[in-house]
Amino acid sequence: MMNHVTLVGRLTKDPELRYTNDGRAFLNIIVAVNRHFRSKKSEGNDTDFILCTIWNKTAENTSKYCEKGSLVGIIGHLRTRSYENQEGRKVYVTEVLVNSIRFLSRKQQEEQEEVPLLEFP
């Protein structure tokens, strides 16, 4: 069996680094990824907004070097989980658990200069 995800897309907002009770850094980001096809109902490009979770030093570096609009390459795997919300309803979550991320560019600097490629495992 195989569970492997590769994405290239842009961050939809500035990353907000958080920590668990035991001090582990984590980051939830949404990556906007354009589809290679258009829906007949849609006028413009169709885009998927994919929830990605990043842990530890990789999360800290992503928070430090990325911002809204940054282009990133992500390698990871899909994870599904569920929990019960405050109303007692079961909520299902599908996300990409990030194994590595590559910072491809910052949106502000794209037109001005080349940005060095950084990769953190």
Protein backbone atom coordinates (compact mmCIF):
# COMPACT_ATOMS: atom_id res chain seq x y z
CA MET A 1 0.00 0.00 0.00
CA MET A 2 1.11 3.55 -0.63
CA ASN A 3 0.15 6.85 0.96
CA HIS A 4 2.22 9.61 -0.64
CA VAL A 5 1.25 13.21 -1.40
CA THR A 6 3.23 15.81 -3.37
CA LEU A 7 1.86 19.35 -3.63
CA VAL A 8 3.01 22.69 -4.98
CA GLY A 9 0.90 25.67 -4.00
CA ARG A 10 0.66 28.97 -2.16
CA LEU A 11 -0.05 29.63 1.51
CA THR A 12 -3.45 31.24 1.98
CA LYS A 13 -2.44 33.18 5.12
CA ASP A 14 0.57 33.91 7.29
CA PRO A 15 1.60 30.85 9.32
CA GLU A 16 0.77 30.95 13.04
CA LEU A 17 3.15 28.76 15.04
CA ARG A 18 1.64 27.02 18.08
CA TYR A 19 2.90 24.63 20.72
CA THR A 20 1.40 21.58 22.38
CA ASN A 21 1.20 21.29 26.17
CA ASP A 22 4.45 19.31 26.15
CA GLY A 23 6.27 22.00 24.11
CA ARG A 24 6.19 20.51 20.60
CA ALA A 25 5.89 23.12 17.83
CA PHE A 26 3.21 22.63 15.19
CA LEU A 27 1.69 24.56 12.35
CA ASN A 28 -1.56 24.16 10.44
CA ILE A 29 -1.48 25.78 7.02
CA ILE A 30 -3.83 25.86 4.07
CA VAL A 31 -2.16 25.46 0.68
CA ALA A 32 -4.00 26.65 -2.44
CA VAL A 33 -3.32 24.27 -5.34
CA ASN A 34 -4.64 24.94 -8.84
CA ARG A 35 -6.25 22.05 -10.67
CA HIS A 36 -5.12 21.03 -14.15
CA PHE A 37 -8.69 21.14 -15.43
CA ARG A 38 -11.67 23.45 -15.19
CA SER A 39 -15.11 22.61 -13.98
CA LYS A 40 -17.77 23.35 -16.60
CA LYS A 41 -19.66 25.35 -13.98
CA SER A 42 -16.68 27.53 -13.08
CA GLU A 43 -15.59 30.68 -14.89
CA GLY A 44 -11.98 30.73 -13.64
CA ASN A 45 -9.40 28.23 -12.49
CA ASP A 46 -10.55 25.71 -9.95
CA THR A 47 -8.43 25.64 -6.82
CA ASP A 48 -8.24 23.13 -3.99
CA PHE A 49 -7.50 24.39 -0.48
CA ILE A 50 -5.62 21.65 1.34
CA LEU A 51 -5.05 21.50 5.10
CA CYS A 52 -1.46 20.58 5.96
CA THR A 53 0.05 19.95 9.40
CA ILE A 54 3.75 20.49 10.10
CA TRP A 55 5.60 19.53 13.30
CA ASN A 56 8.72 20.45 15.28
CA LYS A 57 11.70 22.29 13.70
CA THR A 58 10.12 22.12 10.24
CA ALA A 59 7.11 24.02 11.63
CA GLU A 60 9.36 26.62 13.25
CA ASN A 61 11.32 27.18 10.02
CA THR A 62 8.16 27.39 7.91
CA SER A 63 6.75 29.99 10.28
CA LYS A 64 10.01 31.95 10.12
CA TYR A 65 10.58 31.92 6.33
CA CYS A 66 7.07 31.80 4.81
CA GLU A 67 4.17 34.20 4.62
CA LYS A 68 0.82 34.52 2.90
CA GLY A 69 1.36 33.90 -0.82
CA SER A 70 4.63 31.99 -0.43
CA LEU A 71 5.06 29.19 -2.96
CA VAL A 72 5.92 25.88 -1.27
CA GLY A 73 6.51 22.30 -2.33
CA ILE A 74 5.24 19.70 0.13
CA ILE A 75 5.87 15.99 0.45
CA GLY A 76 3.81 14.09 2.98
CA HIS A 77 0.99 11.62 3.48
CA LEU A 78 -2.75 11.79 4.02
CA ARG A 79 -4.14 11.33 7.49
CA THR A 80 -7.75 11.16 8.56
CA ARG A 81 -8.98 11.67 12.09
CA SER A 82 -12.17 12.51 13.90
CA TYR A 83 -13.19 14.20 17.11
CA GLU A 84 -16.35 15.27 18.89
CA ASN A 85 -17.03 19.02 18.86
CA GLN A 86 -18.64 21.10 21.63
CA GLU A 87 -22.13 20.35 20.28
CA GLY A 88 -21.45 16.61 20.54
CA ARG A 89 -21.22 16.10 16.77
CA LYS A 90 -18.48 13.99 15.23
CA VAL A 91 -16.16 16.02 12.99
CA TYR A 92 -13.99 14.30 10.37
CA VAL A 93 -10.70 15.85 9.24
CA THR A 94 -8.54 14.91 6.26
CA GLU A 95 -5.13 16.54 6.17
CA VAL A 96 -1.65 16.17 4.75
CA LEU A 97 0.91 15.36 7.41
CA VAL A 98 4.04 17.06 6.07
CA ASN A 99 7.28 15.06 5.95
CA SER A 100 9.27 17.78 4.17
CA ILE A 101 8.65 21.22 2.74
CA ARG A 102 10.62 23.23 0.21
CA PHE A 103 10.37 27.00 0.14
CA LEU A 104 10.15 27.87 -3.55
CA SER A 105 9.55 31.62 -3.39
CA ARG A 106 8.03 34.44 -1.45
CA LYS A 107 5.23 36.24 -3.22
CA GLN A 108 6.62 39.73 -2.50
CA GLN A 109 10.08 38.89 -3.84
CA GLU A 110 9.04 36.91 -6.94
CA GLU A 111 9.27 39.87 -9.26
CA GLN A 112 12.21 41.55 -7.53
CA GLU A 113 14.80 38.81 -7.09
CA GLU A 114 15.43 35.10 -6.93
CA VAL A 115 14.91 33.52 -3.51
CA PRO A 116 17.32 30.78 -2.42
CA LEU A 117 15.73 27.35 -2.16
CA LEU A 118 15.61 26.04 1.40
CA GLU A 119 14.62 22.51 2.34
CA PHE A 120 14.00 21.16 5.82
CA PRO A 121 13.28 17.47 6.45
